[in-house]
Structures are given as structure tokens and as C-alpha cells.
Amino acid sequence: NRQWQVDYLVCLDAITLEEHKHRLGENSIVLLDPAARDVPKDTEYTIIPLPIKELLAELKANSIMANMIALGASWALVGGRRELLIDLIADQFGRKGEEITATNQNCATRGYDAVIAQSPKKTAFPWKKSVEAPLVMGGNDAFSLGAAAADCRFYASYPMTPSSSVLATLAAWQKTTNMVVRHAEDEVGVISEALGASFAGVRSAVGTSGGGFALMTESLSYSGIAEIPIVVFVSQRPGPATGLPTWTEQADLLFACYAGHGEFPKIVLAPGDVNEMLELSKQAFDLADIYQTPVIVLSDKFLSESRMHLDRAAAEQVMSTKPNYGRTIHSPSELPYLRYKATKDGISERLIPGAAGTYYQANSYEHLENSHTTEDPEERTKQVEKRLQKQQTYLENHWQMPSIDGSFDEAKYVFVTWGSSKLVVEQARRLMTEPSAHIHFTHVYPMDREKISTLFAADRHYVLVENNATGQLGTLLRSEAGVDIKHTIHKYDGRAFYSEEIVAALEHYDR
């Protein structure tokens, strides 16, 4: 969770304190080398002298090792065990030889001991004893794990920040997952390869950011008409065009929901933390197979690259759940085989190529039930209605209402979020003195109009929090559910919200 006030500030040079002192408070702790600058007196925050230059001289270590001294000192502040620090450094540097490993360990432990010797009264994070090591990962890691758990066998990507690490992670896992991982020549090639693999019978996914997704939209429409399942991982960054490629924003929601030409069903999921990312990433592959349609998983830089705790029990449950391949078949249940048979729920059997004596076309042209090309108006109408019926079937069977935390009856404010804004609102609510509630959307498109409207029926003070300029979830709620949220909090400078910003913004909204 992001907060404006800094818990620990490690000053490796003379100007760091001046640059960041406006973010220090009474609970902040500053590590400062007395040799680098004079130590301020009578400060609101706590200063712990850390003689970095002196320790470097004693150890006869290179100046770059100041980082390791600071690491050891920081480890002491957060309550870490000295033995674990030594082991972690050995794991990291062991391949570089005993001398380099020992130097790093000595520098880190001297920094650690220097802080412990001064017995600071405050350490912000008391560690809980646990039999098992905690699981800590970022959003991209959680998507990768979800894809592997879902039996994804083909992943293609052209590296684009902030989705790039998924490509590296899944490539490293190829031998254990039996997944083919491709670094293609461009985003057009990426999604074309993945759709080909999916047609051939394996679960497939692609990863990109907004600019790369823009190049994929023609093939997204092809997925829609050919009813070929695919999962698209889109980690957002500020646009338009190159924008701010290494910062964060939630500005591609409407783009994801309405991407592609023509009318066809698609599903958009927006996890808010790593636990939701793991669960929804795996679910995305099931939904793609069940409804034979593209499923988009929306992340952003903040969620993709933030490290956070993953609930072990919940993760094990997700990982152990068997995939649902829907109506994927390897031999036709009846002949002649009708790939695009009009059914009550809009879902027809999807035959994996290779059955003796049976074939079908999966091109981008409108088709008859038997897959052959047509321009007949009645057949066209039948196929459009067949495809769109899948959206209603999804809403009735797999769409999930937003999660609700807190009591509506007691709340002065009811926050409404999607994606990573969930994290900062949770932190802001802990800082607030007034009671509040929180509505968090993960299944953002399509929406069940009637069910959604029940959450917004009463005269409550709703506050929409989005990391964009225009309030895209608000636009979606108006168009899809007839809900109009008056009070909004936006941020669009490329940075994620700080929890204090949410609390401060509420001062403008009196009931």
C-alpha cells in the first residue's frame, strides 16, 4: 500500500534528506552518515547515525559497498534476523565466489550491527513467526503463475513495459510447464501466432501494454468471429502513444471493453491485487474456452511491478482446481459437424483439428453453421445473435458481482474502484475516522445492469477513485448499468495514488 509519509529514509549522500524531508513525520526513521553532512537536531522524525564512510574504511571496501551497509542497517530496522540476512546474501552472490560473497556479507552485517547497537525504540514492522516462508510476488508473477496453473501451453509477446517480465518468467519455466514461449517480431505476429496455436488445440495467451494492444485489435475481431479462445494480458501505462512508458495509469479500460471492429462478445477482468491476479488469470483461460471468445486481463504498472503478500492457502486452492475446457471436443458428437451451430446459449462445440473425415473453416468471413462462407442476410442475423447470446450466458453463469467491504448503512462514504485502486482505498480507509464502505469491481465487462443497479439504489455518498483523468469506470457504469456517480477522485500524473491523497480529497465532499 502506498502512503505519502516515509517509514524509513536511507541517505547515501548529503542531499537525500533535503530532497525528501517533506515526506517525513513523527514515525519516520532516517539513516544518515554523519560524515556526509551535519546531523539535524530537534527534528520531528528520528535520526540514527550510520557511519558508512567510516565502516567502508575499516573494511577496506569499495565505495559501491555502501549499498550493502545500508541494506544491513535497513534489515535491522525492519526486524530481520541477522542469520537470514547472511544466508540471503550467500544465495545472491554465491556464484561469484567466496571472496565477493564474504565482502558483501561483512558490509551488510556491519551495517546491521551498527543499528542494533543504538537500540532504536521503533521498528515499524514486527515480524510474525511462521512455519512456512511467506509467498511474495508481483502482479506479473501472479499472472504467470495463473497461466501455468491453467495449463496454458503457448505464450507469445513482443516486450513492452510493464508487461515484459511475464515473457521472461514463462520462458524460464518452459521445461517444467511444457509451454511454448515465443518472442515474436511484433504485436501483429504475437496475436496471430497465439490464435493459430489456440485453433490447433492448446490454451494460448499474449502479453502487451496499450500501444501493443492497439496493434492486436484486428486479430481480436478475428477471434470474435472465428470464436477462437485467447487470453490477452494488458498491463497499462500512461498514453497516448509512448506516453510515460515506465509509469502507471488506469486509462485503457474503455479501450479494452470496446476494442475491435464489429460487435462480438469479449470478457474483461481487472484484478486489484496479486491474490485476485492469480485467481482471475487462471479463470480467464476457463472463460475463454467456455465462451470461445477473447478474455482480457487488465493490470497496470503499479500492480504488475509491486511486490506483495500472496495468501498461501487461497493460492493452493486456485492451483489445485482443474481447468474447465468448456465444449472443446476431439471427435464430433454428431455428423455432419456444425462448428457454428446455433444453440440456446450461443455456445457450440469446438472441434480440435485432426478428427478423421471432418474439417471446418475458421477464417474471418461470416459463415454458415457448417463454417462455410455466406452473405445471406438471414444466416448473418443468426450468427450475430448466436455470438451475442454468449454474453448473456456469461452474465447468467460466470459474471461476478463486485466485492463489498463495510456496511452501507453505517458508511459516510462508499468508495467505488476497479483494478489496483483497490489497494490505496483499503489503506485510506484505515486512516479515516469516518465509517466507510468499499465496492470493488473485478469483472468489469460486460456487466449485469439489474444486479449492479441494486448497489446504487440508495441515497449514499459514492466516491469513484480512478488512476485516470476521465473516470472510465464511471463512464462504463453509466452506459452499461445506468449508474451515475457524482463524486470522483482522479490522478493522472503517471504516479499511483497515495492513501493520504484520498483522505485529503474527501474534505471537498460534504454530504
Protein backbone atom coordinates (compact mmCIF):
# COMPACT_ATOMS: atom_id res chain seq x y z
CA ASN A 1 0.00 0.00 0.00
CA ARG A 2 1.24 3.47 -0.90
CA GLN A 3 1.41 6.25 1.64
CA TRP A 4 2.97 9.69 1.39
CA GLN A 5 4.77 9.58 4.72
CA VAL A 6 8.01 7.62 4.52
CA ASP A 7 8.70 5.00 7.19
CA TYR A 8 12.45 4.74 6.58
CA LEU A 9 14.74 7.08 4.65
CA VAL A 10 18.25 5.82 3.89
CA CYS A 11 20.57 8.71 2.99
CA LEU A 12 23.58 7.64 0.94
CA ASP A 13 24.60 11.22 0.17
CA ALA A 14 24.30 14.76 1.51
CA ILE A 15 21.26 15.90 -0.49
CA THR A 16 18.88 12.98 0.07
CA LEU A 17 17.50 14.35 3.33
CA GLU A 18 16.81 17.77 1.81
CA GLU A 19 15.10 16.18 -1.18
CA HIS A 20 12.71 14.07 0.88
CA LYS A 21 12.31 15.64 4.31
CA HIS A 22 8.86 17.00 3.36
CA ARG A 23 7.69 13.37 3.41
CA LEU A 24 8.93 12.65 6.93
CA GLY A 25 6.72 12.54 10.01
CA GLU A 26 6.94 11.70 13.68
CA ASN A 27 7.01 7.96 12.94
CA SER A 28 9.75 8.22 10.29
CA ILE A 29 13.29 6.95 10.86
CA VAL A 30 16.28 8.37 8.95
CA LEU A 31 19.61 6.60 8.50
CA LEU A 32 22.25 9.28 7.96
CA ASP A 33 26.05 9.23 7.66
CA PRO A 34 27.47 11.97 9.95
CA ALA A 35 30.47 12.22 7.62
CA ALA A 36 28.25 13.20 4.70
CA ARG A 37 26.54 16.15 6.38
CA ASP A 38 25.70 17.66 9.74
CA VAL A 39 23.07 15.74 11.66
CA PRO A 40 19.98 17.93 12.21
CA LYS A 41 18.80 18.38 15.79
CA ASP A 42 15.33 18.68 17.33
CA THR A 43 13.59 17.02 14.40
CA GLU A 44 10.10 15.54 14.44
CA TYR A 45 11.48 12.34 12.97
CA THR A 46 14.11 10.00 14.44
CA ILE A 47 17.69 10.09 13.10
CA ILE A 48 20.01 7.10 13.52
CA PRO A 49 23.65 7.92 12.67
CA LEU A 50 25.08 5.31 10.30
CA PRO A 51 28.86 5.82 9.76
CA ILE A 52 29.01 4.44 6.22
CA LYS A 53 32.32 6.03 5.18
CA GLU A 54 33.96 5.01 8.43
CA LEU A 55 32.80 1.41 8.03
CA LEU A 56 33.98 1.30 4.41
CA ALA A 57 37.43 2.44 5.51
CA GLU A 58 37.60 -0.16 8.28
CA LEU A 59 36.56 -2.93 5.88
CA LYS A 60 38.79 -1.61 3.06
CA ALA A 61 35.77 -1.94 0.80
CA ASN A 62 34.90 -0.20 -2.45
CA SER A 63 32.55 2.78 -2.15
CA ILE A 64 29.83 0.87 -4.01
CA MET A 65 29.56 -1.38 -0.94
CA ALA A 66 27.80 1.48 0.83
CA ASN A 67 24.68 -0.13 -0.61
CA MET A 68 25.30 -3.31 1.38
CA ILE A 69 25.95 -1.40 4.61
CA ALA A 70 22.67 0.43 4.09
CA LEU A 71 20.93 -2.86 3.30
CA GLY A 72 22.11 -4.40 6.55
CA ALA A 73 21.04 -1.32 8.51
CA SER A 74 17.61 -1.38 6.88
CA TRP A 75 17.28 -5.08 7.62
CA ALA A 76 17.88 -4.35 11.28
CA LEU A 77 15.20 -1.64 11.28
CA VAL A 78 12.53 -3.95 9.91
CA GLY A 79 13.36 -6.60 12.49
CA GLY A 80 15.02 -9.13 10.21
CA ARG A 81 17.21 -11.87 11.64
CA ARG A 82 20.97 -11.49 11.17
CA GLU A 83 21.41 -15.15 10.16
CA LEU A 84 18.77 -14.88 7.45
CA LEU A 85 20.47 -11.79 6.01
CA ILE A 86 23.75 -13.71 5.73
CA ASP A 87 22.02 -16.64 4.03
CA LEU A 88 20.18 -14.41 1.55
CA ILE A 89 23.41 -12.69 0.52
CA ALA A 90 25.07 -16.08 0.04
CA ASP A 91 22.21 -17.15 -2.23
CA GLN A 92 22.52 -13.96 -4.27
CA PHE A 93 26.31 -13.73 -4.62
CA GLY A 94 27.45 -17.33 -4.14
CA ARG A 95 28.03 -17.90 -7.84
CA LYS A 96 30.54 -15.01 -7.86
CA GLY A 97 32.92 -16.72 -5.48
CA GLU A 98 33.71 -16.84 -1.77
CA GLU A 99 35.63 -13.55 -1.62
CA ILE A 100 32.87 -11.41 -3.14
CA THR A 101 30.24 -13.19 -1.07
CA ALA A 102 32.18 -12.65 2.16
CA THR A 103 32.77 -8.96 1.38
CA ASN A 104 29.06 -8.37 0.84
CA GLN A 105 28.19 -10.29 4.00
CA ASN A 106 30.72 -8.36 6.09
CA CYS A 107 29.48 -4.98 4.87
CA ALA A 108 25.84 -5.88 5.43
CA THR A 109 26.38 -7.29 8.91
CA ARG A 110 28.42 -4.24 9.99
CA GLY A 111 25.53 -2.01 8.93
CA TYR A 112 23.14 -4.32 10.75
CA ASP A 113 25.20 -4.29 13.95
CA ALA A 114 25.61 -0.50 13.84
CA VAL A 115 21.85 -0.02 14.03
CA ILE A 116 21.25 -2.74 16.62
CA ALA A 117 23.94 -1.21 18.87
CA GLN A 118 21.97 2.03 19.01
CA SER A 119 18.81 0.22 20.13
CA PRO A 120 16.24 2.25 18.17
CA LYS A 121 12.96 2.50 20.02
CA LYS A 122 10.85 1.98 16.90
CA THR A 123 10.85 -0.65 14.23
CA ALA A 124 7.79 -0.35 12.06
CA PHE A 125 7.22 -3.93 11.01
CA PRO A 126 7.21 -6.60 13.75
CA TRP A 127 7.66 -9.97 12.08
CA LYS A 128 5.18 -12.76 12.70
CA LYS A 129 6.62 -16.18 13.32
CA SER A 130 5.54 -18.65 10.65
CA VAL A 131 6.29 -22.28 9.97
CA GLU A 132 6.23 -21.61 6.22
CA ALA A 133 8.01 -18.82 4.38
CA PRO A 134 5.57 -16.19 3.10
CA LEU A 135 4.81 -16.03 -0.61
CA VAL A 136 5.73 -12.61 -2.02
CA MET A 137 5.36 -11.71 -5.68
CA GLY A 138 4.34 -9.01 -8.13
CA GLY A 139 1.30 -8.84 -10.35
CA ASN A 140 3.16 -10.07 -13.42
CA ASP A 141 4.45 -13.04 -11.43
CA ALA A 142 0.91 -13.85 -10.32
CA PHE A 143 -0.35 -13.73 -13.90
CA SER A 144 2.48 -16.06 -14.95
CA LEU A 145 1.61 -18.48 -12.16
CA GLY A 146 -2.08 -18.35 -13.08
CA ALA A 147 -1.30 -19.07 -16.72
CA ALA A 148 0.84 -22.07 -15.79
CA ALA A 149 -1.83 -23.37 -13.41
CA ALA A 150 -4.45 -23.00 -16.14
CA ASP A 151 -2.48 -25.31 -18.47
CA CYS A 152 -1.55 -22.53 -20.88
CA ARG A 153 0.72 -24.15 -23.47
CA PHE A 154 1.55 -21.19 -25.72
CA TYR A 155 2.52 -17.64 -24.77
CA ALA A 156 3.72 -15.01 -27.21
CA SER A 157 4.79 -11.45 -26.62
CA TYR A 158 6.77 -8.56 -28.02
CA PRO A 159 8.36 -6.95 -24.94
CA MET A 160 6.52 -3.83 -23.86
CA THR A 161 6.79 -2.27 -20.43
CA PRO A 162 5.25 -3.03 -17.96
CA SER A 163 4.19 -6.49 -19.19
CA SER A 164 7.68 -7.60 -20.27
CA SER A 165 8.64 -9.67 -17.24
CA VAL A 166 5.86 -12.19 -17.96
CA LEU A 167 7.73 -13.19 -21.11
CA ALA A 168 10.98 -13.76 -19.19
CA THR A 169 9.26 -15.62 -16.36
CA LEU A 170 7.32 -18.02 -18.56
CA ALA A 171 10.38 -18.58 -20.77
CA ALA A 172 12.32 -19.67 -17.68
CA TRP A 173 9.54 -22.12 -16.81
CA GLN A 174 9.24 -23.75 -20.24
CA LYS A 175 10.78 -27.07 -19.29
CA THR A 176 8.58 -27.55 -16.22
CA THR A 177 5.33 -26.29 -17.77
CA ASN A 178 5.74 -27.68 -21.31
CA MET A 179 4.72 -24.23 -22.52
CA VAL A 180 6.00 -22.85 -25.81
CA VAL A 181 7.07 -19.24 -25.22
CA ARG A 182 7.70 -17.01 -28.23
CA HIS A 183 9.32 -13.58 -28.54
CA ALA A 184 7.70 -12.62 -31.84
CA GLU A 185 8.69 -9.89 -34.29
CA ASP A 186 5.80 -7.54 -33.44
CA GLU A 187 2.37 -7.47 -31.81
CA VAL A 188 0.57 -8.41 -35.03
CA GLY A 189 2.67 -11.56 -35.22
CA VAL A 190 2.20 -12.20 -31.49
CA ILE A 191 -1.58 -12.48 -31.54
CA SER A 192 -1.64 -14.24 -34.92
CA GLU A 193 0.67 -16.96 -33.60
CA ALA A 194 -1.37 -17.33 -30.44
CA LEU A 195 -4.65 -17.65 -32.33
CA GLY A 196 -3.08 -20.28 -34.55
CA ALA A 197 -1.94 -22.24 -31.51
CA SER A 198 -5.38 -21.93 -29.95
CA PHE A 199 -7.06 -23.16 -33.14
CA ALA A 200 -4.70 -26.15 -33.04
CA GLY A 201 -5.97 -27.02 -29.57
CA VAL A 202 -3.75 -25.53 -26.88
CA ARG A 203 -4.56 -22.78 -24.42
CA SER A 204 -2.84 -19.60 -25.57
CA ALA A 205 -2.14 -16.12 -24.28
CA VAL A 206 -0.38 -12.92 -25.27
CA GLY A 207 1.00 -10.04 -23.21
CA THR A 208 1.41 -6.36 -24.00
CA SER A 209 0.57 -2.80 -22.96
CA GLY A 210 -1.81 -0.27 -24.51
CA GLY A 211 0.24 0.58 -27.60
CA GLY A 212 0.84 -3.06 -28.45
CA PHE A 213 -2.78 -3.94 -27.79
CA ALA A 214 -3.77 -1.29 -30.34
CA LEU A 215 -1.93 -3.33 -32.99
CA MET A 216 -3.73 -6.50 -31.93
CA THR A 217 -7.30 -5.28 -32.30
CA GLU A 218 -7.87 -6.52 -35.88
CA SER A 219 -6.98 -10.04 -34.78
CA LEU A 220 -9.12 -9.58 -31.68
CA SER A 221 -12.10 -9.19 -34.03
CA TYR A 222 -10.94 -12.29 -35.89
CA SER A 223 -11.03 -14.17 -32.58
CA GLY A 224 -14.58 -12.89 -32.15
CA ILE A 225 -15.98 -14.09 -35.47
CA ALA A 226 -13.99 -17.34 -35.66
CA GLU A 227 -14.80 -18.00 -31.99
CA ILE A 228 -11.22 -18.90 -31.15
CA PRO A 229 -10.42 -18.52 -27.43
CA ILE A 230 -7.47 -16.40 -26.37
CA VAL A 231 -6.31 -14.62 -23.19
CA VAL A 232 -4.82 -11.13 -23.60
CA PHE A 233 -2.79 -9.70 -20.71
CA VAL A 234 -2.68 -5.89 -20.92
CA SER A 235 -0.60 -4.03 -18.33
CA GLN A 236 -1.47 -0.35 -18.62
CA ARG A 237 0.87 2.61 -18.70
CA PRO A 238 0.18 6.31 -19.39
CA GLY A 239 -0.55 7.13 -23.03
CA PRO A 240 -1.37 8.20 -25.61
CA ALA A 241 1.37 6.87 -27.89
CA THR A 242 4.62 6.31 -25.97
CA GLY A 243 3.34 8.48 -23.12
CA LEU A 244 5.19 7.66 -19.91
CA PRO A 245 6.44 4.13 -20.59
CA THR A 246 7.78 3.42 -17.09
CA TRP A 247 4.92 4.89 -15.04
CA THR A 248 1.36 3.86 -14.21
CA GLU A 249 -2.22 4.71 -15.14
CA GLN A 250 -5.69 3.14 -15.49
CA ALA A 251 -6.59 4.73 -18.82
CA ASP A 252 -7.24 1.71 -21.07
CA LEU A 253 -10.42 0.33 -19.51
CA LEU A 254 -12.82 1.57 -22.18
CA PHE A 255 -10.32 0.69 -24.91
CA ALA A 256 -10.22 -2.90 -23.64
CA CYS A 257 -14.00 -3.16 -23.34
CA TYR A 258 -14.73 -1.84 -26.82
CA ALA A 259 -11.61 -2.89 -28.75
CA GLY A 260 -12.07 -4.44 -32.17
CA HIS A 261 -14.35 -3.66 -35.09
CA GLY A 262 -17.82 -5.12 -35.29
CA GLU A 263 -19.98 -6.47 -32.49
CA PHE A 264 -18.84 -9.59 -30.68
CA PRO A 265 -18.62 -10.71 -27.05
CA LYS A 266 -15.50 -10.30 -25.01
CA ILE A 267 -14.79 -10.52 -21.28
CA VAL A 268 -12.64 -8.03 -19.36
CA LEU A 269 -11.25 -8.85 -15.90
CA ALA A 270 -9.39 -6.36 -13.69
CA PRO A 271 -7.57 -7.80 -10.64
CA GLY A 272 -6.84 -5.43 -7.76
CA ASP A 273 -4.00 -7.30 -6.03
CA VAL A 274 -1.81 -10.36 -6.53
CA ASN A 275 -4.36 -12.73 -4.99
CA GLU A 276 -7.03 -11.58 -7.42
CA MET A 277 -4.48 -11.64 -10.25
CA LEU A 278 -3.69 -15.31 -9.66
CA GLU A 279 -7.34 -16.31 -9.35
CA LEU A 280 -8.62 -14.26 -12.29
CA SER A 281 -5.71 -15.14 -14.57
CA LYS A 282 -6.49 -18.81 -14.19
CA GLN A 283 -10.21 -18.11 -14.52
CA ALA A 284 -9.56 -16.18 -17.74
CA PHE A 285 -8.43 -19.32 -19.54
CA ASP A 286 -11.53 -21.22 -18.42
CA LEU A 287 -13.79 -18.39 -19.58
CA ALA A 288 -12.00 -18.14 -22.92
CA ASP A 289 -12.57 -21.85 -23.56
CA ILE A 290 -16.13 -21.95 -22.23
CA TYR A 291 -17.30 -18.96 -24.28
CA GLN A 292 -14.82 -19.34 -27.17
CA THR A 293 -14.05 -15.65 -27.07
CA PRO A 294 -11.21 -13.28 -26.15
CA VAL A 295 -10.72 -12.60 -22.44
CA ILE A 296 -8.68 -9.56 -21.45
CA VAL A 297 -6.88 -9.37 -18.11
CA LEU A 298 -6.14 -5.73 -17.22
CA SER A 299 -3.24 -4.80 -14.98
CA ASP A 300 -1.14 -1.64 -14.68
CA LYS A 301 2.45 -0.73 -13.85
CA PHE A 302 1.63 -0.30 -10.15
CA LEU A 303 0.09 -3.75 -9.78
CA SER A 304 2.39 -5.50 -12.25
CA GLU A 305 5.62 -4.47 -10.53
CA SER A 306 4.63 -4.05 -6.88
CA ARG A 307 5.67 -6.88 -4.58
CA MET A 308 3.05 -8.01 -2.10
CA HIS A 309 1.95 -10.94 0.01
CA LEU A 310 0.13 -13.83 -1.66
CA ASP A 311 -2.26 -15.80 0.53
CA ARG A 312 -0.79 -19.32 0.53
CA ALA A 313 -4.00 -21.23 1.31
CA ALA A 314 -6.00 -19.37 -1.32
CA ALA A 315 -3.22 -19.80 -3.86
CA GLU A 316 -3.02 -23.54 -3.25
CA GLN A 317 -6.77 -23.83 -3.77
CA VAL A 318 -6.58 -21.93 -7.05
CA MET A 319 -3.63 -24.00 -8.23
CA SER A 320 -5.35 -27.29 -7.43
CA THR A 321 -8.59 -26.52 -9.27
CA LYS A 322 -8.86 -28.45 -12.53
CA PRO A 323 -9.24 -26.41 -15.73
CA ASN A 324 -12.65 -26.20 -17.41
CA TYR A 325 -12.24 -26.61 -21.16
CA GLY A 326 -15.90 -25.99 -21.93
CA ARG A 327 -17.23 -27.67 -25.06
CA THR A 328 -13.85 -28.43 -26.54
CA ILE A 329 -14.03 -31.83 -28.24
CA HIS A 330 -11.64 -34.14 -30.11
CA SER A 331 -14.26 -36.00 -32.12
CA PRO A 332 -17.68 -34.78 -33.31
CA SER A 333 -20.71 -35.84 -31.28
CA GLU A 334 -22.87 -35.83 -34.41
CA LEU A 335 -22.46 -35.64 -38.16
CA PRO A 336 -22.43 -33.51 -40.12
CA TYR A 337 -20.33 -31.47 -37.71
CA LEU A 338 -21.60 -27.90 -37.34
CA ARG A 339 -18.82 -25.75 -35.90
CA TYR A 340 -21.06 -22.70 -35.53
CA LYS A 341 -24.32 -24.42 -34.69
CA ALA A 342 -26.92 -22.01 -33.32
CA THR A 343 -27.65 -23.07 -29.74
CA LYS A 344 -29.83 -21.71 -26.97
CA ASP A 345 -26.84 -20.41 -25.00
CA GLY A 346 -24.82 -19.37 -28.06
CA ILE A 347 -22.04 -21.89 -27.42
CA SER A 348 -21.30 -24.58 -29.99
CA GLU A 349 -18.87 -27.49 -29.78
CA ARG A 350 -15.30 -26.58 -30.74
CA LEU A 351 -13.59 -29.45 -32.51
CA ILE A 352 -9.82 -29.67 -32.29
CA PRO A 353 -8.47 -30.30 -35.82
CA GLY A 354 -7.44 -33.87 -36.59
CA ALA A 355 -10.65 -35.89 -36.41
CA ALA A 356 -10.83 -38.30 -39.35
CA GLY A 357 -13.19 -37.26 -42.12
CA THR A 358 -14.15 -33.94 -40.50
CA TYR A 359 -12.98 -30.42 -41.16
CA TYR A 360 -14.20 -26.86 -40.86
CA GLN A 361 -13.13 -23.37 -41.81
CA ALA A 362 -12.06 -20.81 -39.22
CA ASN A 363 -11.50 -17.73 -41.32
CA SER A 364 -12.56 -14.12 -40.83
CA TYR A 365 -15.58 -14.20 -43.16
CA GLU A 366 -19.17 -14.56 -41.99
CA HIS A 367 -20.23 -18.18 -42.15
CA LEU A 368 -23.00 -20.75 -42.05
CA GLU A 369 -23.38 -23.16 -39.16
CA ASN A 370 -21.12 -25.58 -41.04
CA SER A 371 -18.41 -22.85 -41.21
CA HIS A 372 -18.60 -22.17 -44.95
CA THR A 373 -18.71 -18.56 -46.13
CA THR A 374 -22.04 -16.82 -46.55
CA GLU A 375 -23.51 -13.39 -47.23
CA ASP A 376 -27.11 -14.50 -46.77
CA PRO A 377 -28.93 -11.92 -44.58
CA GLU A 378 -30.85 -14.49 -42.53
CA GLU A 379 -27.74 -16.55 -41.85
CA ARG A 380 -25.82 -13.40 -40.97
CA THR A 381 -28.50 -12.42 -38.46
CA LYS A 382 -28.48 -15.92 -36.98
CA GLN A 383 -24.71 -15.89 -36.41
CA VAL A 384 -24.64 -12.37 -34.94
CA GLU A 385 -27.35 -13.37 -32.45
CA LYS A 386 -25.55 -16.64 -31.69
CA ARG A 387 -22.34 -14.83 -30.83
CA LEU A 388 -24.01 -12.12 -28.76
CA GLN A 389 -26.06 -14.70 -26.84
CA LYS A 390 -22.80 -15.89 -25.26
CA GLN A 391 -22.59 -12.58 -23.45
CA GLN A 392 -25.95 -13.13 -21.77
CA THR A 393 -24.98 -16.71 -20.93
CA TYR A 394 -21.80 -15.42 -19.28
CA LEU A 395 -23.75 -12.88 -17.22
CA GLU A 396 -26.09 -15.60 -16.00
CA ASN A 397 -23.42 -18.17 -15.16
CA HIS A 398 -19.95 -16.72 -14.57
CA TRP A 399 -20.12 -12.96 -14.13
CA GLN A 400 -19.38 -11.94 -10.55
CA MET A 401 -20.78 -9.03 -8.58
CA PRO A 402 -18.22 -6.57 -7.19
CA SER A 403 -16.91 -7.31 -3.70
CA ILE A 404 -18.27 -5.21 -0.85
CA ASP A 405 -16.39 -4.37 2.32
CA GLY A 406 -18.05 -2.42 5.13
CA SER A 407 -21.63 -1.52 5.96
CA PHE A 408 -23.60 0.68 3.59
CA ASP A 409 -25.94 1.69 6.39
CA GLU A 410 -23.14 2.97 8.61
CA ALA A 411 -20.85 4.41 5.92
CA LYS A 412 -20.41 8.11 5.38
CA TYR A 413 -18.53 7.36 2.16
CA VAL A 414 -18.86 4.40 -0.23
CA PHE A 415 -15.75 4.06 -2.39
CA VAL A 416 -16.01 2.54 -5.88
CA THR A 417 -12.87 1.12 -7.50
CA TRP A 418 -11.53 -1.27 -10.11
CA GLY A 419 -8.07 -2.74 -10.54
CA SER A 420 -5.16 -1.53 -8.43
CA SER A 421 -7.06 1.44 -6.96
CA LYS A 422 -8.38 -1.15 -4.53
CA LEU A 423 -5.07 -1.14 -2.65
CA VAL A 424 -4.85 2.57 -1.93
CA VAL A 425 -8.52 2.81 -0.92
CA GLU A 426 -8.05 -0.02 1.57
CA GLN A 427 -5.16 1.88 3.13
CA ALA A 428 -7.05 5.20 3.07
CA ARG A 429 -9.99 3.64 4.90
CA ARG A 430 -7.64 2.60 7.70
CA LEU A 431 -6.50 6.21 8.05
CA MET A 432 -10.02 7.64 8.15
CA THR A 433 -12.02 8.39 11.28
CA GLU A 434 -15.38 8.31 9.48
CA PRO A 435 -17.01 4.93 8.71
CA SER A 436 -16.82 3.88 5.07
CA ALA A 437 -17.59 1.03 2.68
CA HIS A 438 -15.90 -0.16 -0.49
CA ILE A 439 -17.32 -1.55 -3.75
CA HIS A 440 -14.57 -3.15 -5.85
CA PHE A 441 -15.11 -4.34 -9.43
CA THR A 442 -13.08 -7.19 -10.94
CA HIS A 443 -15.48 -8.46 -13.65
CA VAL A 444 -15.74 -5.09 -15.33
CA TYR A 445 -17.19 -6.05 -18.73
CA PRO A 446 -19.85 -7.00 -19.55
CA MET A 447 -22.00 -6.01 -16.55
CA ASP A 448 -25.39 -7.16 -15.30
CA ARG A 449 -27.41 -3.96 -15.35
CA GLU A 450 -30.14 -5.09 -12.95
CA LYS A 451 -27.80 -6.53 -10.33
CA ILE A 452 -25.40 -3.59 -10.44
CA SER A 453 -28.19 -1.06 -10.02
CA THR A 454 -29.16 -2.61 -6.67
CA LEU A 455 -25.82 -1.47 -5.20
CA PHE A 456 -26.50 2.13 -6.13
CA ALA A 457 -30.20 2.37 -5.34
CA ALA A 458 -29.98 4.24 -2.03
CA ASP A 459 -29.06 7.87 -1.42
CA ARG A 460 -25.47 7.27 -0.39
CA HIS A 461 -22.28 9.26 -0.81
CA TYR A 462 -20.45 7.30 -3.51
CA VAL A 463 -16.87 8.26 -4.38
CA LEU A 464 -15.29 6.88 -7.54
CA VAL A 465 -11.48 6.52 -7.34
CA GLU A 466 -9.61 6.04 -10.62
CA ASN A 467 -5.99 6.47 -11.72
CA ASN A 468 -7.05 8.31 -14.90
CA ALA A 469 -8.38 11.71 -15.97
CA THR A 470 -11.88 10.93 -17.23
CA GLY A 471 -13.36 8.37 -14.83
CA GLN A 472 -13.64 5.44 -17.23
CA LEU A 473 -15.37 3.07 -14.82
CA GLY A 474 -17.85 5.86 -14.20
CA THR A 475 -18.50 6.08 -17.95
CA LEU A 476 -18.90 2.31 -18.13
CA LEU A 477 -21.34 2.28 -15.21
CA ARG A 478 -23.45 4.97 -16.86
CA SER A 479 -23.59 3.21 -20.22
CA GLU A 480 -23.87 -0.39 -19.02
CA ALA A 481 -25.84 -0.03 -15.78
CA GLY A 482 -27.43 3.42 -15.79
CA VAL A 483 -25.46 4.43 -12.68
CA ASP A 484 -24.12 7.97 -12.38
CA ILE A 485 -21.54 8.65 -9.64
CA LYS A 486 -21.21 12.37 -8.95
CA HIS A 487 -18.12 12.46 -6.73
CA THR A 488 -14.83 11.35 -8.23
CA ILE A 489 -11.15 11.35 -7.29
CA HIS A 490 -8.70 11.20 -10.19
CA LYS A 491 -4.94 11.15 -10.57
CA TYR A 492 -3.19 11.13 -13.94
CA ASP A 493 0.39 12.33 -13.47
CA GLY A 494 1.82 8.86 -14.03
CA ARG A 495 2.00 8.06 -10.32
CA ALA A 496 -0.26 5.81 -8.30
CA PHE A 497 -2.37 7.33 -5.54
CA TYR A 498 -1.06 7.87 -2.04
CA SER A 499 -3.58 6.94 0.64
CA GLU A 500 -3.28 10.40 2.21
CA GLU A 501 -4.40 11.93 -1.10
CA ILE A 502 -7.68 10.04 -0.89
CA VAL A 503 -8.31 11.23 2.66
CA ALA A 504 -7.48 14.83 1.75
CA ALA A 505 -9.79 14.77 -1.28
CA LEU A 506 -12.76 13.81 0.89
CA GLU A 507 -12.58 17.19 2.60
CA HIS A 508 -14.14 18.65 -0.55
CA TYR A 509 -17.16 16.37 -0.38
CA ASP A 510 -19.58 17.30 2.38
CA ARG A 511 -22.85 15.45 2.36
